Amino acid sequence: MPGLLRGMARTAVVAGTATAVSNRVSRRQAGRWAQQDTAYVQQAPAAAPAPAPVAAPVPPAPAAASPTMDQKLEQLQQLAALKEQGILTDDELAAQKARILSG
């Protein structure tokens, strides 16, 4: 039973981290597109008709983005909480820390 809980907790941390990274990448890309749109509108002459809407490019996959320091710190805090709860062993904690810090 503890092994099952540990596996479920690890899966939850990984899934939560992936979701957070994906959301952050999406927000950042949307912000960039908004800035580009604003810059384009400011550069366009006043008499020119508005261009037809263009389909937005597909954002890059979340796995391609490297996590920021804030995201790494949040992941490490989650791991520490799991360690305090007894869900992770010292070896598992060390392996996950190494994985996070190397990424």
N, C-alpha and C. Protein backbone atom coordinates (compact mmCIF):
# COMPACT_ATOMS: atom_id res chain seq x y z
N MET A 1 0.82 -1.21 0.00
CA MET A 1 0.00 0.00 0.00
C MET A 1 0.85 1.26 0.00
N PRO A 2 1.93 1.36 0.82
CA PRO A 2 2.75 2.59 0.76
C PRO A 2 3.38 2.78 -0.61
N GLY A 3 3.76 1.69 -1.27
CA GLY A 3 4.35 1.81 -2.61
C GLY A 3 3.36 2.37 -3.60
N LEU A 4 2.10 1.96 -3.47
CA LEU A 4 1.05 2.46 -4.35
C LEU A 4 0.82 3.95 -4.11
N LEU A 5 0.79 4.35 -2.85
CA LEU A 5 0.61 5.76 -2.53
C LEU A 5 1.78 6.60 -3.04
N ARG A 6 2.96 6.07 -2.88
CA ARG A 6 4.15 6.77 -3.35
C ARG A 6 4.10 6.97 -4.85
N GLY A 7 3.70 5.92 -5.57
CA GLY A 7 3.59 6.01 -7.02
C GLY A 7 2.53 7.00 -7.45
N MET A 8 1.41 6.99 -6.75
CA MET A 8 0.33 7.92 -7.07
C MET A 8 0.76 9.36 -6.79
N ALA A 9 1.46 9.56 -5.68
CA ALA A 9 1.92 10.91 -5.34
C ALA A 9 2.93 11.40 -6.36
N ARG A 10 3.82 10.53 -6.77
CA ARG A 10 4.83 10.91 -7.76
C ARG A 10 4.15 11.28 -9.07
N THR A 11 3.16 10.48 -9.48
CA THR A 11 2.43 10.76 -10.70
C THR A 11 1.71 12.10 -10.61
N ALA A 12 1.12 12.38 -9.44
CA ALA A 12 0.41 13.65 -9.25
C ALA A 12 1.37 14.83 -9.35
N VAL A 13 2.56 14.70 -8.79
CA VAL A 13 3.54 15.78 -8.86
C VAL A 13 3.98 16.02 -10.31
N VAL A 14 4.24 14.94 -11.02
CA VAL A 14 4.68 15.06 -12.41
C VAL A 14 3.57 15.66 -13.26
N ALA A 15 2.34 15.17 -13.08
CA ALA A 15 1.22 15.69 -13.87
C ALA A 15 0.96 17.16 -13.55
N GLY A 16 1.02 17.51 -12.27
CA GLY A 16 0.80 18.90 -11.88
C GLY A 16 1.87 19.81 -12.45
N THR A 17 3.10 19.34 -12.42
CA THR A 17 4.20 20.13 -12.96
C THR A 17 4.04 20.31 -14.46
N ALA A 18 3.68 19.24 -15.16
CA ALA A 18 3.49 19.33 -16.61
C ALA A 18 2.36 20.29 -16.94
N THR A 19 1.29 20.25 -16.16
CA THR A 19 0.17 21.16 -16.40
C THR A 19 0.59 22.61 -16.17
N ALA A 20 1.32 22.84 -15.09
CA ALA A 20 1.76 24.20 -14.79
C ALA A 20 2.68 24.73 -15.89
N VAL A 21 3.58 23.90 -16.37
CA VAL A 21 4.50 24.32 -17.43
C VAL A 21 3.72 24.60 -18.71
N SER A 22 2.79 23.72 -19.05
CA SER A 22 1.99 23.89 -20.26
C SER A 22 1.18 25.18 -20.20
N ASN A 23 0.56 25.44 -19.05
CA ASN A 23 -0.22 26.67 -18.91
C ASN A 23 0.67 27.91 -19.02
N ARG A 24 1.82 27.86 -18.41
CA ARG A 24 2.73 29.01 -18.45
C ARG A 24 3.20 29.28 -19.88
N VAL A 25 3.54 28.22 -20.61
CA VAL A 25 3.98 28.38 -22.00
C VAL A 25 2.85 28.97 -22.83
N SER A 26 1.64 28.49 -22.62
CA SER A 26 0.49 29.01 -23.38
C SER A 26 0.25 30.48 -23.09
N ARG A 27 0.30 30.87 -21.81
CA ARG A 27 0.10 32.27 -21.44
C ARG A 27 1.20 33.15 -22.03
N ARG A 28 2.43 32.68 -21.94
CA ARG A 28 3.55 33.47 -22.46
C ARG A 28 3.42 33.65 -23.98
N GLN A 29 3.05 32.57 -24.68
CA GLN A 29 2.91 32.66 -26.14
C GLN A 29 1.75 33.58 -26.50
N ALA A 30 0.65 33.51 -25.77
CA ALA A 30 -0.49 34.39 -26.03
C ALA A 30 -0.09 35.85 -25.81
N GLY A 31 0.72 36.10 -24.79
CA GLY A 31 1.21 37.45 -24.54
C GLY A 31 2.08 37.96 -25.68
N ARG A 32 2.91 37.09 -26.20
CA ARG A 32 3.77 37.48 -27.33
C ARG A 32 2.94 37.80 -28.56
N TRP A 33 1.92 36.99 -28.82
CA TRP A 33 1.06 37.24 -29.97
C TRP A 33 0.33 38.56 -29.79
N ALA A 34 -0.13 38.83 -28.57
CA ALA A 34 -0.84 40.09 -28.31
C ALA A 34 0.10 41.27 -28.55
N GLN A 35 1.36 41.17 -28.12
CA GLN A 35 2.32 42.25 -28.35
C GLN A 35 2.58 42.43 -29.84
N GLN A 36 2.68 41.34 -30.57
CA GLN A 36 2.90 41.44 -32.01
C GLN A 36 1.70 42.09 -32.69
N ASP A 37 0.49 41.70 -32.27
CA ASP A 37 -0.71 42.30 -32.84
C ASP A 37 -0.76 43.79 -32.56
N THR A 38 -0.41 44.18 -31.33
CA THR A 38 -0.42 45.59 -30.95
C THR A 38 0.61 46.36 -31.78
N ALA A 39 1.79 45.79 -31.93
CA ALA A 39 2.84 46.45 -32.71
C ALA A 39 2.41 46.56 -34.17
N TYR A 40 1.75 45.56 -34.70
CA TYR A 40 1.31 45.59 -36.10
C TYR A 40 0.24 46.66 -36.29
N VAL A 41 -0.71 46.75 -35.37
CA VAL A 41 -1.77 47.74 -35.48
C VAL A 41 -1.19 49.14 -35.39
N GLN A 42 -0.19 49.36 -34.55
CA GLN A 42 0.42 50.67 -34.41
C GLN A 42 1.20 51.07 -35.67
N GLN A 43 1.75 50.10 -36.38
CA GLN A 43 2.54 50.39 -37.57
C GLN A 43 1.68 50.55 -38.82
N ALA A 44 0.46 50.00 -38.81
CA ALA A 44 -0.40 50.03 -39.99
C ALA A 44 -0.89 51.45 -40.22
N PRO A 45 -0.98 51.88 -41.49
CA PRO A 45 -1.52 53.21 -41.79
C PRO A 45 -3.00 53.28 -41.41
N ALA A 46 -3.47 54.47 -41.06
CA ALA A 46 -4.84 54.64 -40.58
C ALA A 46 -5.86 54.34 -41.67
N ALA A 47 -5.57 54.61 -42.96
CA ALA A 47 -6.53 54.43 -44.03
C ALA A 47 -6.60 52.99 -44.53
N ALA A 48 -5.67 52.16 -44.15
CA ALA A 48 -5.64 50.79 -44.66
C ALA A 48 -6.74 49.96 -43.99
N PRO A 49 -7.40 49.09 -44.77
CA PRO A 49 -8.43 48.23 -44.17
C PRO A 49 -7.76 47.20 -43.26
N ALA A 50 -8.53 46.73 -42.31
CA ALA A 50 -8.01 45.74 -41.35
C ALA A 50 -7.72 44.43 -42.09
N PRO A 51 -6.61 43.80 -41.80
CA PRO A 51 -6.28 42.53 -42.48
C PRO A 51 -7.23 41.42 -42.01
N ALA A 52 -7.39 40.43 -42.85
CA ALA A 52 -8.21 39.27 -42.49
C ALA A 52 -7.55 38.53 -41.35
N PRO A 53 -8.36 37.97 -40.43
CA PRO A 53 -7.76 37.23 -39.31
C PRO A 53 -6.95 36.04 -39.81
N VAL A 54 -5.84 35.83 -39.19
CA VAL A 54 -4.94 34.74 -39.56
C VAL A 54 -4.99 33.70 -38.44
N ALA A 55 -4.99 32.44 -38.82
CA ALA A 55 -4.99 31.38 -37.81
C ALA A 55 -3.71 31.47 -37.00
N ALA A 56 -3.86 31.35 -35.69
CA ALA A 56 -2.71 31.43 -34.79
C ALA A 56 -1.82 30.21 -34.97
N PRO A 57 -0.50 30.40 -34.95
CA PRO A 57 0.40 29.24 -35.06
C PRO A 57 0.27 28.35 -33.83
N VAL A 58 0.58 27.10 -34.02
CA VAL A 58 0.50 26.13 -32.93
C VAL A 58 1.63 26.40 -31.95
N PRO A 59 1.32 26.55 -30.64
CA PRO A 59 2.39 26.79 -29.67
C PRO A 59 3.29 25.56 -29.55
N PRO A 60 4.55 25.74 -29.15
CA PRO A 60 5.46 24.61 -29.02
C PRO A 60 5.00 23.67 -27.92
N ALA A 61 5.43 22.44 -28.01
CA ALA A 61 5.07 21.44 -27.01
C ALA A 61 5.66 21.84 -25.66
N PRO A 62 4.95 21.59 -24.55
CA PRO A 62 5.44 21.98 -23.23
C PRO A 62 6.78 21.33 -22.89
N ALA A 63 7.03 20.15 -23.40
CA ALA A 63 8.27 19.46 -23.07
C ALA A 63 9.49 20.20 -23.63
N ALA A 64 9.29 21.01 -24.68
CA ALA A 64 10.41 21.70 -25.29
C ALA A 64 10.88 22.89 -24.44
N ALA A 65 10.00 23.41 -23.61
CA ALA A 65 10.35 24.56 -22.78
C ALA A 65 11.08 24.09 -21.52
N SER A 66 12.17 24.75 -21.21
CA SER A 66 12.87 24.40 -19.98
C SER A 66 12.23 25.18 -18.83
N PRO A 67 12.09 24.53 -17.68
CA PRO A 67 11.42 25.20 -16.55
C PRO A 67 12.25 26.37 -16.03
N THR A 68 11.54 27.38 -15.54
CA THR A 68 12.21 28.52 -14.96
C THR A 68 12.66 28.17 -13.55
N MET A 69 13.44 29.05 -12.95
CA MET A 69 13.92 28.81 -11.59
C MET A 69 12.75 28.75 -10.61
N ASP A 70 11.74 29.60 -10.81
CA ASP A 70 10.57 29.58 -9.93
C ASP A 70 9.85 28.24 -10.01
N GLN A 71 9.74 27.70 -11.21
CA GLN A 71 9.08 26.41 -11.37
C GLN A 71 9.91 25.30 -10.72
N LYS A 72 11.22 25.39 -10.85
CA LYS A 72 12.07 24.39 -10.22
C LYS A 72 11.95 24.45 -8.71
N LEU A 73 11.92 25.67 -8.17
CA LEU A 73 11.77 25.82 -6.72
C LEU A 73 10.43 25.26 -6.24
N GLU A 74 9.39 25.49 -7.00
CA GLU A 74 8.07 24.96 -6.64
C GLU A 74 8.08 23.43 -6.65
N GLN A 75 8.72 22.84 -7.65
CA GLN A 75 8.82 21.39 -7.71
C GLN A 75 9.60 20.84 -6.52
N LEU A 76 10.69 21.52 -6.17
CA LEU A 76 11.49 21.08 -5.03
C LEU A 76 10.70 21.18 -3.73
N GLN A 77 9.88 22.22 -3.60
CA GLN A 77 9.05 22.36 -2.41
C GLN A 77 8.01 21.24 -2.34
N GLN A 78 7.45 20.87 -3.49
CA GLN A 78 6.49 19.77 -3.52
C GLN A 78 7.17 18.47 -3.12
N LEU A 79 8.38 18.26 -3.59
CA LEU A 79 9.12 17.06 -3.23
C LEU A 79 9.42 17.03 -1.73
N ALA A 80 9.79 18.18 -1.17
CA ALA A 80 10.08 18.25 0.26
C ALA A 80 8.83 17.91 1.07
N ALA A 81 7.68 18.39 0.61
CA ALA A 81 6.43 18.08 1.31
C ALA A 81 6.13 16.58 1.25
N LEU A 82 6.37 15.98 0.11
CA LEU A 82 6.16 14.53 0.00
C LEU A 82 7.13 13.76 0.90
N LYS A 83 8.35 14.24 1.01
CA LYS A 83 9.34 13.60 1.89
C LYS A 83 8.89 13.71 3.34
N GLU A 84 8.40 14.89 3.74
CA GLU A 84 7.94 15.09 5.11
C GLU A 84 6.75 14.20 5.43
N GLN A 85 5.91 13.92 4.45
CA GLN A 85 4.75 13.07 4.65
C GLN A 85 5.13 11.59 4.66
N GLY A 86 6.37 11.30 4.32
CA GLY A 86 6.83 9.92 4.30
C GLY A 86 6.52 9.19 3.01
N ILE A 87 6.12 9.93 1.99
CA ILE A 87 5.76 9.32 0.71
C ILE A 87 7.01 9.00 -0.11
N LEU A 88 8.02 9.86 -0.02
CA LEU A 88 9.28 9.64 -0.74
C LEU A 88 10.38 9.23 0.22
N THR A 89 11.25 8.36 -0.24
CA THR A 89 12.42 7.99 0.53
C THR A 89 13.54 8.99 0.24
N ASP A 90 14.62 8.89 1.01
CA ASP A 90 15.76 9.78 0.79
C ASP A 90 16.34 9.59 -0.62
N ASP A 91 16.44 8.33 -1.05
CA ASP A 91 16.99 8.05 -2.38
C ASP A 91 16.10 8.60 -3.48
N GLU A 92 14.78 8.42 -3.33
CA GLU A 92 13.86 8.94 -4.34
C GLU A 92 13.91 10.47 -4.38
N LEU A 93 13.99 11.09 -3.22
CA LEU A 93 14.08 12.54 -3.15
C LEU A 93 15.34 13.03 -3.86
N ALA A 94 16.46 12.37 -3.59
CA ALA A 94 17.72 12.78 -4.20
C ALA A 94 17.67 12.61 -5.73
N ALA A 95 17.06 11.52 -6.20
CA ALA A 95 16.96 11.29 -7.65
C ALA A 95 16.09 12.35 -8.30
N GLN A 96 14.96 12.68 -7.68
CA GLN A 96 14.06 13.68 -8.26
C GLN A 96 14.68 15.08 -8.23
N LYS A 97 15.41 15.39 -7.15
CA LYS A 97 16.09 16.68 -7.08
C LYS A 97 17.12 16.81 -8.20
N ALA A 98 17.87 15.74 -8.42
CA ALA A 98 18.88 15.76 -9.48
C ALA A 98 18.23 15.95 -10.84
N ARG A 99 17.09 15.29 -11.06
CA ARG A 99 16.39 15.40 -12.34
C ARG A 99 15.89 16.83 -12.55
N ILE A 100 15.33 17.44 -11.51
CA ILE A 100 14.80 18.79 -11.62
C ILE A 100 15.93 19.80 -11.85
N LEU A 101 16.99 19.68 -11.09
CA LEU A 101 18.08 20.65 -11.18
C LEU A 101 18.89 20.51 -12.46
N SER A 102 18.88 19.33 -13.07
CA SER A 102 19.63 19.16 -14.32
C SER A 102 18.83 19.64 -15.52
N GLY A 103 17.51 19.81 -15.37
CA GLY A 103 16.64 20.18 -16.50
C GLY A 103 16.56 21.59 -16.75
